[in-house]
Full PDB file with SEQRES, HELIX, SHEET, SSBOND, CRYST1, ORIGX, SCALE, CONECT and MASTER records, all heavy atoms in Angstrom:
SEQRES   1 A   37  ASN ILE ASN PHE ALA ARG ARG LEU ILE ARG VAL GLN GLU          
SEQRES   2 A   37  GLN ALA LEU GLU ARG ALA ASP LEU ASN LEU ARG SER ALA          
SEQRES   3 A   37  ARG GLY PHE PHE GLU VAL GLY THR ARG PRO LYS                  
HELIX    1 AA1 ILE A    2  VAL A   32  1                                  31    
CRYST1    1.000    1.000    1.000  90.00  90.00  90.00 P 1           1          
ORIGX1      1.000000  0.000000  0.000000        0.00000                         
ORIGX2      0.000000  1.000000  0.000000        0.00000                         
ORIGX3      0.000000  0.000000  1.000000        0.00000                         
SCALE1      1.000000  0.000000  0.000000        0.00000                         
SCALE2      0.000000  1.000000  0.000000        0.00000                         
SCALE3      0.000000  0.000000  1.000000        0.00000                         
ATOM      1  N   ASN A   1       0.818  -1.208   0.000  1.00  0.00           N  
ATOM      2  CA  ASN A   1       0.000   0.000   0.000  1.00  0.00           C  
ATOM      3  C   ASN A   1       0.856   1.265   0.000  1.00  0.00           C  
ATOM      4  O   ASN A   1       0.460   2.283  -0.577  1.00  0.00           O  
ATOM      5  CB  ASN A   1      -0.937   0.000   1.204  1.00  0.00           C  
ATOM      6  CG  ASN A   1      -2.096  -0.965   1.031  1.00  0.00           C  
ATOM      7  OD1 ASN A   1      -2.514  -1.249  -0.100  1.00  0.00           O  
ATOM      8  ND2 ASN A   1      -2.617  -1.480   2.125  1.00  0.00           N  
ATOM      9  N   ILE A   2       2.018   1.206   0.659  1.00  0.00           N  
ATOM     10  CA  ILE A   2       2.920   2.362   0.608  1.00  0.00           C  
ATOM     11  C   ILE A   2       3.375   2.611  -0.829  1.00  0.00           C  
ATOM     12  O   ILE A   2       3.351   3.744  -1.327  1.00  0.00           O  
ATOM     13  CB  ILE A   2       4.136   2.139   1.529  1.00  0.00           C  
ATOM     14  CG1 ILE A   2       3.708   2.201   3.003  1.00  0.00           C  
ATOM     15  CG2 ILE A   2       5.215   3.189   1.272  1.00  0.00           C  
ATOM     16  CD1 ILE A   2       4.832   1.903   3.977  1.00  0.00           C  
ATOM     17  N   ASN A   3       3.782   1.551  -1.509  1.00  0.00           N  
ATOM     18  CA  ASN A   3       4.233   1.707  -2.895  1.00  0.00           C  
ATOM     19  C   ASN A   3       3.086   2.086  -3.826  1.00  0.00           C  
ATOM     20  O   ASN A   3       3.277   2.847  -4.788  1.00  0.00           O  
ATOM     21  CB  ASN A   3       4.883   0.408  -3.371  1.00  0.00           C  
ATOM     22  CG  ASN A   3       6.261   0.194  -2.766  1.00  0.00           C  
ATOM     23  OD1 ASN A   3       7.127   1.053  -2.867  1.00  0.00           O  
ATOM     24  ND2 ASN A   3       6.472  -0.936  -2.126  1.00  0.00           N  
ATOM     25  N   PHE A   4       1.899   1.568  -3.543  1.00  0.00           N  
ATOM     26  CA  PHE A   4       0.732   1.957  -4.340  1.00  0.00           C  
ATOM     27  C   PHE A   4       0.438   3.447  -4.170  1.00  0.00           C  
ATOM     28  O   PHE A   4       0.179   4.167  -5.150  1.00  0.00           O  
ATOM     29  CB  PHE A   4      -0.472   1.124  -3.911  1.00  0.00           C  
ATOM     30  CG  PHE A   4      -1.766   1.563  -4.531  1.00  0.00           C  
ATOM     31  CD1 PHE A   4      -1.892   1.707  -5.895  1.00  0.00           C  
ATOM     32  CD2 PHE A   4      -2.871   1.837  -3.721  1.00  0.00           C  
ATOM     33  CE1 PHE A   4      -3.097   2.117  -6.467  1.00  0.00           C  
ATOM     34  CE2 PHE A   4      -4.067   2.249  -4.284  1.00  0.00           C  
ATOM     35  CZ  PHE A   4      -4.187   2.387  -5.647  1.00  0.00           C  
ATOM     36  N   ALA A   5       0.504   3.940  -2.918  1.00  0.00           N  
ATOM     37  CA  ALA A   5       0.272   5.363  -2.670  1.00  0.00           C  
ATOM     38  C   ALA A   5       1.336   6.208  -3.359  1.00  0.00           C  
ATOM     39  O   ALA A   5       1.035   7.283  -3.900  1.00  0.00           O  
ATOM     40  CB  ALA A   5       0.257   5.634  -1.169  1.00  0.00           C  
ATOM     41  N   ARG A   6       2.576   5.728  -3.339  1.00  0.00           N  
ATOM     42  CA  ARG A   6       3.633   6.477  -4.034  1.00  0.00           C  
ATOM     43  C   ARG A   6       3.372   6.533  -5.529  1.00  0.00           C  
ATOM     44  O   ARG A   6       3.629   7.562  -6.190  1.00  0.00           O  
ATOM     45  CB  ARG A   6       4.988   5.827  -3.756  1.00  0.00           C  
ATOM     46  CG  ARG A   6       5.501   6.060  -2.350  1.00  0.00           C  
ATOM     47  CD  ARG A   6       6.821   5.372  -2.145  1.00  0.00           C  
ATOM     48  NE  ARG A   6       7.424   5.701  -0.866  1.00  0.00           N  
ATOM     49  CZ  ARG A   6       8.558   5.180  -0.420  1.00  0.00           C  
ATOM     50  NH1 ARG A   6       9.212   4.289  -1.149  1.00  0.00           N  
ATOM     51  NH2 ARG A   6       9.037   5.536   0.758  1.00  0.00           N  
ATOM     52  N   ARG A   7       2.882   5.432  -6.090  1.00  0.00           N  
ATOM     53  CA  ARG A   7       2.561   5.422  -7.516  1.00  0.00           C  
ATOM     54  C   ARG A   7       1.435   6.421  -7.817  1.00  0.00           C  
ATOM     55  O   ARG A   7       1.486   7.151  -8.817  1.00  0.00           O  
ATOM     56  CB  ARG A   7       2.155   4.006  -7.930  1.00  0.00           C  
ATOM     57  CG  ARG A   7       1.954   3.809  -9.426  1.00  0.00           C  
ATOM     58  CD  ARG A   7       3.277   3.903 -10.166  1.00  0.00           C  
ATOM     59  NE  ARG A   7       4.221   2.891  -9.750  1.00  0.00           N  
ATOM     60  CZ  ARG A   7       4.338   1.684 -10.314  1.00  0.00           C  
ATOM     61  NH1 ARG A   7       3.527   1.344 -11.311  1.00  0.00           N  
ATOM     62  NH2 ARG A   7       5.252   0.827  -9.890  1.00  0.00           N  
ATOM     63  N   LEU A   8       0.448   6.475  -6.934  1.00  0.00           N  
ATOM     64  CA  LEU A   8      -0.635   7.431  -7.119  1.00  0.00           C  
ATOM     65  C   LEU A   8      -0.128   8.872  -6.985  1.00  0.00           C  
ATOM     66  O   LEU A   8      -0.603   9.778  -7.691  1.00  0.00           O  
ATOM     67  CB  LEU A   8      -1.751   7.176  -6.101  1.00  0.00           C  
ATOM     68  CG  LEU A   8      -2.560   5.895  -6.272  1.00  0.00           C  
ATOM     69  CD1 LEU A   8      -3.677   5.840  -5.232  1.00  0.00           C  
ATOM     70  CD2 LEU A   8      -3.141   5.785  -7.678  1.00  0.00           C  
ATOM     71  N   ILE A   9       0.819   9.091  -6.076  1.00  0.00           N  
ATOM     72  CA  ILE A   9       1.390  10.435  -5.918  1.00  0.00           C  
ATOM     73  C   ILE A   9       2.052  10.877  -7.211  1.00  0.00           C  
ATOM     74  O   ILE A   9       1.868  12.020  -7.668  1.00  0.00           O  
ATOM     75  CB  ILE A   9       2.395  10.450  -4.748  1.00  0.00           C  
ATOM     76  CG1 ILE A   9       1.648  10.313  -3.413  1.00  0.00           C  
ATOM     77  CG2 ILE A   9       3.221  11.724  -4.763  1.00  0.00           C  
ATOM     78  CD1 ILE A   9       2.570  10.159  -2.217  1.00  0.00           C  
ATOM     79  N   ARG A  10       2.822   9.980  -7.831  1.00  0.00           N  
ATOM     80  CA  ARG A  10       3.482  10.334  -9.092  1.00  0.00           C  
ATOM     81  C   ARG A  10       2.448  10.623 -10.185  1.00  0.00           C  
ATOM     82  O   ARG A  10       2.601  11.565 -10.986  1.00  0.00           O  
ATOM     83  CB  ARG A  10       4.427   9.211  -9.526  1.00  0.00           C  
ATOM     84  CG  ARG A  10       5.662   9.084  -8.655  1.00  0.00           C  
ATOM     85  CD  ARG A  10       6.727   8.246  -9.328  1.00  0.00           C  
ATOM     86  NE  ARG A  10       6.315   6.860  -9.487  1.00  0.00           N  
ATOM     87  CZ  ARG A  10       6.531   5.910  -8.576  1.00  0.00           C  
ATOM     88  NH1 ARG A  10       7.136   6.213  -7.440  1.00  0.00           N  
ATOM     89  NH2 ARG A  10       6.150   4.675  -8.809  1.00  0.00           N  
ATOM     90  N   VAL A  11       1.395   9.809 -10.219  1.00  0.00           N  
ATOM     91  CA  VAL A  11       0.349  10.029 -11.223  1.00  0.00           C  
ATOM     92  C   VAL A  11      -0.318  11.391 -11.011  1.00  0.00           C  
ATOM     93  O   VAL A  11      -0.530  12.153 -11.961  1.00  0.00           O  
ATOM     94  CB  VAL A  11      -0.690   8.895 -11.153  1.00  0.00           C  
ATOM     95  CG1 VAL A  11      -1.919   9.237 -12.006  1.00  0.00           C  
ATOM     96  CG2 VAL A  11      -0.082   7.582 -11.631  1.00  0.00           C  
ATOM     97  N   GLN A  12      -0.635  11.705  -9.748  1.00  0.00           N  
ATOM     98  CA  GLN A  12      -1.314  12.971  -9.472  1.00  0.00           C  
ATOM     99  C   GLN A  12      -0.380  14.165  -9.677  1.00  0.00           C  
ATOM    100  O   GLN A  12      -0.843  15.245 -10.068  1.00  0.00           O  
ATOM    101  CB  GLN A  12      -1.860  12.961  -8.038  1.00  0.00           C  
ATOM    102  CG  GLN A  12      -2.886  11.874  -7.762  1.00  0.00           C  
ATOM    103  CD  GLN A  12      -4.052  11.926  -8.739  1.00  0.00           C  
ATOM    104  OE1 GLN A  12      -4.433  13.000  -9.224  1.00  0.00           O  
ATOM    105  NE2 GLN A  12      -4.624  10.770  -9.042  1.00  0.00           N  
ATOM    106  N   GLU A  13       0.912  13.984  -9.391  1.00  0.00           N  
ATOM    107  CA  GLU A  13       1.862  15.070  -9.674  1.00  0.00           C  
ATOM    108  C   GLU A  13       1.922  15.349 -11.166  1.00  0.00           C  
ATOM    109  O   GLU A  13       1.965  16.520 -11.597  1.00  0.00           O  
ATOM    110  CB  GLU A  13       3.244  14.702  -9.128  1.00  0.00           C  
ATOM    111  CG  GLU A  13       3.343  14.778  -7.609  1.00  0.00           C  
ATOM    112  CD  GLU A  13       4.686  14.300  -7.099  1.00  0.00           C  
ATOM    113  OE1 GLU A  13       5.413  13.623  -7.870  1.00  0.00           O  
ATOM    114  OE2 GLU A  13       5.005  14.576  -5.930  1.00  0.00           O  
ATOM    115  N   GLN A  14       1.947  14.289 -11.965  1.00  0.00           N  
ATOM    116  CA  GLN A  14       1.945  14.488 -13.416  1.00  0.00           C  
ATOM    117  C   GLN A  14       0.640  15.131 -13.881  1.00  0.00           C  
ATOM    118  O   GLN A  14       0.643  15.994 -14.759  1.00  0.00           O  
ATOM    119  CB  GLN A  14       2.152  13.142 -14.105  1.00  0.00           C  
ATOM    120  CG  GLN A  14       3.531  12.543 -13.885  1.00  0.00           C  
ATOM    121  CD  GLN A  14       3.643  11.125 -14.417  1.00  0.00           C  
ATOM    122  OE1 GLN A  14       2.686  10.588 -14.980  1.00  0.00           O  
ATOM    123  NE2 GLN A  14       4.811  10.522 -14.237  1.00  0.00           N  
ATOM    124  N   ALA A  15      -0.466  14.710 -13.266  1.00  0.00           N  
ATOM    125  CA  ALA A  15      -1.757  15.301 -13.627  1.00  0.00           C  
ATOM    126  C   ALA A  15      -1.786  16.784 -13.273  1.00  0.00           C  
ATOM    127  O   ALA A  15      -2.327  17.604 -14.032  1.00  0.00           O  
ATOM    128  CB  ALA A  15      -2.888  14.551 -12.912  1.00  0.00           C  
ATOM    129  N   LEU A  16      -1.203  17.130 -12.113  1.00  0.00           N  
ATOM    130  CA  LEU A  16      -1.156  18.530 -11.707  1.00  0.00           C  
ATOM    131  C   LEU A  16      -0.283  19.346 -12.656  1.00  0.00           C  
ATOM    132  O   LEU A  16      -0.626  20.491 -13.018  1.00  0.00           O  
ATOM    133  CB  LEU A  16      -0.634  18.638 -10.276  1.00  0.00           C  
ATOM    134  CG  LEU A  16      -0.553  20.051  -9.678  1.00  0.00           C  
ATOM    135  CD1 LEU A  16      -1.927  20.725  -9.691  1.00  0.00           C  
ATOM    136  CD2 LEU A  16       0.005  19.991  -8.261  1.00  0.00           C  
ATOM    137  N   GLU A  17       0.833  18.763 -13.083  1.00  0.00           N  
ATOM    138  CA  GLU A  17       1.695  19.467 -14.042  1.00  0.00           C  
ATOM    139  C   GLU A  17       0.956  19.705 -15.362  1.00  0.00           C  
ATOM    140  O   GLU A  17       1.038  20.799 -15.950  1.00  0.00           O  
ATOM    141  CB  GLU A  17       2.966  18.648 -14.282  1.00  0.00           C  
ATOM    142  CG  GLU A  17       3.909  18.602 -13.082  1.00  0.00           C  
ATOM    143  CD  GLU A  17       5.090  17.699 -13.336  1.00  0.00           C  
ATOM    144  OE1 GLU A  17       5.151  17.108 -14.450  1.00  0.00           O  
ATOM    145  OE2 GLU A  17       5.951  17.554 -12.431  1.00  0.00           O  
ATOM    146  N   ARG A  18       0.224  18.710 -15.837  1.00  0.00           N  
ATOM    147  CA  ARG A  18      -0.521  18.877 -17.089  1.00  0.00           C  
ATOM    148  C   ARG A  18      -1.622  19.916 -16.916  1.00  0.00           C  
ATOM    149  O   ARG A  18      -1.870  20.741 -17.816  1.00  0.00           O  
ATOM    150  CB  ARG A  18      -1.110  17.535 -17.523  1.00  0.00           C  
ATOM    151  CG  ARG A  18      -0.087  16.525 -17.999  1.00  0.00           C  
ATOM    152  CD  ARG A  18      -0.757  15.357 -18.691  1.00  0.00           C  
ATOM    153  NE  ARG A  18      -1.625  14.605 -17.774  1.00  0.00           N  
ATOM    154  CZ  ARG A  18      -1.229  13.526 -17.080  1.00  0.00           C  
ATOM    155  NH1 ARG A  18       0.018  13.083 -17.204  1.00  0.00           N  
ATOM    156  NH2 ARG A  18      -2.075  12.895 -16.298  1.00  0.00           N  
ATOM    157  N   ALA A  19      -2.293  19.883 -15.759  1.00  0.00           N  
ATOM    158  CA  ALA A  19      -3.357  20.867 -15.518  1.00  0.00           C  
ATOM    159  C   ALA A  19      -2.791  22.283 -15.456  1.00  0.00           C  
ATOM    160  O   ALA A  19      -3.410  23.236 -15.971  1.00  0.00           O  
ATOM    161  CB  ALA A  19      -4.096  20.516 -14.224  1.00  0.00           C  
ATOM    162  N   ASP A  20      -1.632  22.434 -14.793  1.00  0.00           N  
ATOM    163  CA  ASP A  20      -0.997  23.760 -14.748  1.00  0.00           C  
ATOM    164  C   ASP A  20      -0.622  24.246 -16.143  1.00  0.00           C  
ATOM    165  O   ASP A  20      -0.797  25.437 -16.485  1.00  0.00           O  
ATOM    166  CB  ASP A  20       0.254  23.703 -13.862  1.00  0.00           C  
ATOM    167  CG  ASP A  20      -0.077  23.772 -12.386  1.00  0.00           C  
ATOM    168  OD1 ASP A  20      -1.122  24.360 -12.049  1.00  0.00           O  
ATOM    169  OD2 ASP A  20       0.694  23.221 -11.571  1.00  0.00           O  
ATOM    170  N   LEU A  21      -0.100  23.338 -16.954  1.00  0.00           N  
ATOM    171  CA  LEU A  21       0.272  23.710 -18.328  1.00  0.00           C  
ATOM    172  C   LEU A  21      -0.961  24.136 -19.117  1.00  0.00           C  
ATOM    173  O   LEU A  21      -0.935  25.140 -19.856  1.00  0.00           O  
ATOM    174  CB  LEU A  21       0.968  22.536 -19.013  1.00  0.00           C  
ATOM    175  CG  LEU A  21       1.379  22.746 -20.469  1.00  0.00           C  
ATOM    176  CD1 LEU A  21       2.375  23.909 -20.595  1.00  0.00           C  
ATOM    177  CD2 LEU A  21       1.995  21.471 -21.050  1.00  0.00           C  
ATOM    178  N   ASN A  22      -2.058  23.389 -18.957  1.00  0.00           N  
ATOM    179  CA  ASN A  22      -3.286  23.745 -19.663  1.00  0.00           C  
ATOM    180  C   ASN A  22      -3.829  25.093 -19.179  1.00  0.00           C  
ATOM    181  O   ASN A  22      -4.360  25.883 -19.971  1.00  0.00           O  
ATOM    182  CB  ASN A  22      -4.347  22.662 -19.457  1.00  0.00           C  
ATOM    183  CG  ASN A  22      -3.952  21.344 -20.107  1.00  0.00           C  
ATOM    184  OD1 ASN A  22      -3.127  21.328 -21.028  1.00  0.00           O  
ATOM    185  ND2 ASN A  22      -4.526  20.255 -19.633  1.00  0.00           N  
ATOM    186  N   LEU A  23      -3.701  25.338 -17.867  1.00  0.00           N  
ATOM    187  CA  LEU A  23      -4.176  26.617 -17.344  1.00  0.00           C  
ATOM    188  C   LEU A  23      -3.370  27.779 -17.927  1.00  0.00           C  
ATOM    189  O   LEU A  23      -3.941  28.824 -18.301  1.00  0.00           O  
ATOM    190  CB  LEU A  23      -4.081  26.608 -15.822  1.00  0.00           C  
ATOM    191  CG  LEU A  23      -4.482  27.917 -15.106  1.00  0.00           C  
ATOM    192  CD1 LEU A  23      -5.925  28.288 -15.441  1.00  0.00           C  
ATOM    193  CD2 LEU A  23      -4.295  27.767 -13.595  1.00  0.00           C  
ATOM    194  N   ARG A  24      -2.069  27.620 -18.006  1.00  0.00           N  
ATOM    195  CA  ARG A  24      -1.238  28.687 -18.585  1.00  0.00           C  
ATOM    196  C   ARG A  24      -1.597  28.916 -20.059  1.00  0.00           C  
ATOM    197  O   ARG A  24      -1.652  30.057 -20.538  1.00  0.00           O  
ATOM    198  CB  ARG A  24       0.246  28.336 -18.436  1.00  0.00           C  
ATOM    199  CG  ARG A  24       0.740  28.428 -16.996  1.00  0.00           C  
ATOM    200  CD  ARG A  24       2.275  28.423 -16.956  1.00  0.00           C  
ATOM    201  NE  ARG A  24       2.823  27.175 -17.487  1.00  0.00           N  
ATOM    202  CZ  ARG A  24       3.085  26.106 -16.749  1.00  0.00           C  
ATOM    203  NH1 ARG A  24       2.820  26.125 -15.437  1.00  0.00           N  
ATOM    204  NH2 ARG A  24       3.596  25.018 -17.296  1.00  0.00           N  
ATOM    205  N   SER A  25      -1.838  27.818 -20.768  1.00  0.00           N  
ATOM    206  CA  SER A  25      -2.220  27.958 -22.181  1.00  0.00           C  
ATOM    207  C   SER A  25      -3.567  28.664 -22.311  1.00  0.00           C  
ATOM    208  O   SER A  25      -3.742  29.559 -23.170  1.00  0.00           O  
ATOM    209  CB  SER A  25      -2.278  26.582 -22.839  1.00  0.00           C  
ATOM    210  OG  SER A  25      -1.016  25.952 -22.818  1.00  0.00           O  
ATOM    211  N   ALA A  26      -4.518  28.274 -21.466  1.00  0.00           N  
ATOM    212  CA  ALA A  26      -5.846  28.886 -21.534  1.00  0.00           C  
ATOM    213  C   ALA A  26      -5.775  30.373 -21.215  1.00  0.00           C  
ATOM    214  O   ALA A  26      -6.456  31.202 -21.863  1.00  0.00           O  
ATOM    215  CB  ALA A  26      -6.790  28.179 -20.561  1.00  0.00           C  
ATOM    216  N   ARG A  27      -4.981  30.746 -20.224  1.00  0.00           N  
ATOM    217  CA  ARG A  27      -4.830  32.162 -19.882  1.00  0.00           C  
ATOM    218  C   ARG A  27      -4.171  32.929 -21.031  1.00  0.00           C  
ATOM    219  O   ARG A  27      -4.556  34.077 -21.352  1.00  0.00           O  
ATOM    220  CB  ARG A  27      -4.010  32.309 -18.608  1.00  0.00           C  
ATOM    221  CG  ARG A  27      -4.789  31.973 -17.347  1.00  0.00           C  
ATOM    222  CD  ARG A  27      -3.884  31.993 -16.126  1.00  0.00           C  
ATOM    223  NE  ARG A  27      -4.663  31.771 -14.912  1.00  0.00           N  
ATOM    224  CZ  ARG A  27      -4.116  31.546 -13.721  1.00  0.00           C  
ATOM    225  NH1 ARG A  27      -2.788  31.504 -13.596  1.00  0.00           N  
ATOM    226  NH2 ARG A  27      -4.886  31.366 -12.663  1.00  0.00           N  
ATOM    227  N   GLY A  28      -3.168  32.298 -21.655  1.00  0.00           N  
ATOM    228  CA  GLY A  28      -2.512  32.960 -22.774  1.00  0.00           C  
ATOM    229  C   GLY A  28      -3.464  33.199 -23.923  1.00  0.00           C  
ATOM    230  O   GLY A  28      -3.487  34.295 -24.527  1.00  0.00           O  
ATOM    231  N   PHE A  29      -4.263  32.191 -24.262  1.00  0.00           N  
ATOM    232  CA  PHE A  29      -5.231  32.352 -25.339  1.00  0.00           C  
ATOM    233  C   PHE A  29      -6.297  33.401 -24.982  1.00  0.00           C  
ATOM    234  O   PHE A  29      -6.748  34.158 -25.842  1.00  0.00           O  
ATOM    235  CB  PHE A  29      -5.907  31.016 -25.646  1.00  0.00           C  
ATOM    236  CG  PHE A  29      -5.012  30.042 -26.363  1.00  0.00           C  
ATOM    237  CD1 PHE A  29      -4.921  28.715 -25.956  1.00  0.00           C  
ATOM    238  CD2 PHE A  29      -4.261  30.451 -27.460  1.00  0.00           C  
ATOM    239  CE1 PHE A  29      -4.099  27.819 -26.623  1.00  0.00           C  
ATOM    240  CE2 PHE A  29      -3.435  29.555 -28.128  1.00  0.00           C  
ATOM    241  CZ  PHE A  29      -3.351  28.223 -27.704  1.00  0.00           C  
ATOM    242  N   PHE A  30      -6.691  33.408 -23.692  1.00  0.00           N  
ATOM    243  CA  PHE A  30      -7.698  34.384 -23.278  1.00  0.00           C  
ATOM    244  C   PHE A  30      -7.157  35.808 -23.352  1.00  0.00           C  
ATOM    245  O   PHE A  30      -7.864  36.743 -23.766  1.00  0.00           O  
ATOM    246  CB  PHE A  30      -8.148  34.075 -21.851  1.00  0.00           C  
ATOM    247  CG  PHE A  30      -9.027  35.124 -21.245  1.00  0.00           C  
ATOM    248  CD1 PHE A  30     -10.325  35.320 -21.697  1.00  0.00           C  
ATOM    249  CD2 PHE A  30      -8.538  35.955 -20.239  1.00  0.00           C  
ATOM    250  CE1 PHE A  30     -11.135  36.312 -21.145  1.00  0.00           C  
ATOM    251  CE2 PHE A  30      -9.342  36.946 -19.696  1.00  0.00           C  
ATOM    252  CZ  PHE A  30     -10.646  37.118 -20.140  1.00  0.00           C  
ATOM    253  N   GLU A  31      -5.891  35.982 -23.004  1.00  0.00           N  
ATOM    254  CA  GLU A  31      -5.300  37.317 -23.010  1.00  0.00           C  
ATOM    255  C   GLU A  31      -5.177  37.879 -24.425  1.00  0.00           C  
ATOM    256  O   GLU A  31      -5.288  39.087 -24.630  1.00  0.00           O  
ATOM    257  CB  GLU A  31      -3.932  37.286 -22.326  1.00  0.00           C  
ATOM    258  CG  GLU A  31      -4.016  37.061 -20.823  1.00  0.00           C  
ATOM    259  CD  GLU A  31      -2.642  36.871 -20.191  1.00  0.00           C  
ATOM    260  OE1 GLU A  31      -1.646  36.829 -20.951  1.00  0.00           O  
ATOM    261  OE2 GLU A  31      -2.572  36.739 -18.958  1.00  0.00           O  
ATOM    262  N   VAL A  32      -4.968  36.985 -25.406  1.00  0.00           N  
ATOM    263  CA  VAL A  32      -4.869  37.469 -26.795  1.00  0.00           C  
ATOM    264  C   VAL A  32      -6.237  37.480 -27.472  1.00  0.00           C  
ATOM    265  O   VAL A  32      -6.353  37.849 -28.659  1.00  0.00           O  
ATOM    266  CB  VAL A  32      -3.882  36.610 -27.615  1.00  0.00           C  
ATOM    267  CG1 VAL A  32      -2.495  36.697 -27.023  1.00  0.00           C  
ATOM    268  CG2 VAL A  32      -4.335  35.153 -27.693  1.00  0.00           C  
ATOM    269  N   GLY A  33      -7.247  37.006 -26.731  1.00  0.00           N  
ATOM    270  CA  GLY A  33      -8.609  37.083 -27.235  1.00  0.00           C  
ATOM    271  C   GLY A  33      -9.051  35.951 -28.116  1.00  0.00           C  
ATOM    272  O   GLY A  33     -10.088  36.058 -28.778  1.00  0.00           O  
ATOM    273  N   THR A  34      -8.305  34.842 -28.136  1.00  0.00           N  
ATOM    274  CA  THR A  34      -8.699  33.707 -28.982  1.00  0.00           C  
ATOM    275  C   THR A  34      -9.509  32.654 -28.235  1.00  0.00           C  
ATOM    276  O   THR A  34     -10.047  31.736 -28.875  1.00  0.00           O  
ATOM    277  CB  THR A  34      -7.446  33.035 -29.570  1.00  0.00           C  
ATOM    278  OG1 THR A  34      -6.596  32.588 -28.505  1.00  0.00           O  
ATOM    279  CG2 THR A  34      -6.683  34.017 -30.468  1.00  0.00           C  
ATOM    280  N   ARG A  35      -9.554  32.761 -26.894  1.00  0.00           N  
ATOM    281  CA  ARG A  35     -10.315  31.802 -26.096  1.00  0.00           C  
ATOM    282  C   ARG A  35     -11.173  32.559 -25.091  1.00  0.00           C  
ATOM    283  O   ARG A  35     -10.786  33.624 -24.584  1.00  0.00           O  
ATOM    284  CB  ARG A  35      -9.380  30.859 -25.342  1.00  0.00           C  
ATOM    285  CG  ARG A  35      -8.619  29.892 -26.214  1.00  0.00           C  
ATOM    286  CD  ARG A  35      -9.526  28.796 -26.760  1.00  0.00           C  
ATOM    287  NE  ARG A  35      -8.777  27.839 -27.588  1.00  0.00           N  
ATOM    288  CZ  ARG A  35      -9.329  26.800 -28.195  1.00  0.00           C  
ATOM    289  NH1 ARG A  35     -10.624  26.594 -28.067  1.00  0.00           N  
ATOM    290  NH2 ARG A  35      -8.594  25.988 -28.930  1.00  0.00           N  
ATOM    291  N   PRO A  36     -12.357  31.968 -24.745  1.00  0.00           N  
ATOM    292  CA  PRO A  36     -13.227  32.652 -23.779  1.00  0.00           C  
ATOM    293  C   PRO A  36     -12.728  32.460 -22.340  1.00  0.00           C  
ATOM    294  O   PRO A  36     -11.888  31.612 -22.051  1.00  0.00           O  
ATOM    295  CB  PRO A  36     -14.588  31.978 -23.989  1.00  0.00           C  
ATOM    296  CG  PRO A  36     -14.243  30.611 -24.472  1.00  0.00           C  
ATOM    297  CD  PRO A  36     -13.001  30.772 -25.330  1.00  0.00           C  
ATOM    298  N   LYS A  37     -13.318  33.270 -21.454  1.00  0.00           N  
ATOM    299  CA  LYS A  37     -12.980  33.184 -20.048  1.00  0.00           C  
ATOM    300  C   LYS A  37     -13.351  31.830 -19.440  1.00  0.00           C  
ATOM    301  O   LYS A  37     -12.715  31.341 -18.493  1.00  0.00           O  
ATOM    302  CB  LYS A  37     -13.710  34.307 -19.295  1.00  0.00           C  
ATOM    303  CG  LYS A  37     -13.485  34.332 -17.796  1.00  0.00           C  
ATOM    304  CD  LYS A  37     -12.049  34.652 -17.429  1.00  0.00           C  
ATOM    305  CE  LYS A  37     -11.876  34.794 -15.925  1.00  0.00           C  
ATOM    306  NZ  LYS A  37     -10.488  35.073 -15.517  1.00  0.00           N  
TER     307      LYS A  37                                                      
MASTER        0    0    0    1    0    0    0    6  306    1    0    3          
END                                                                             
C-alpha cells in the first residue's frame, strides 16, 4: 500500500503538471482574445 500510494502520488503530480500547463495555455489564449474566459 505504501508503494501503491507512491505510484498514485506520481500520477497525481503528473496530472497537476498537465493541468498547470493547460491553465497557462488557456490564460494565454484568453489574453490574446482567442479563447473565452
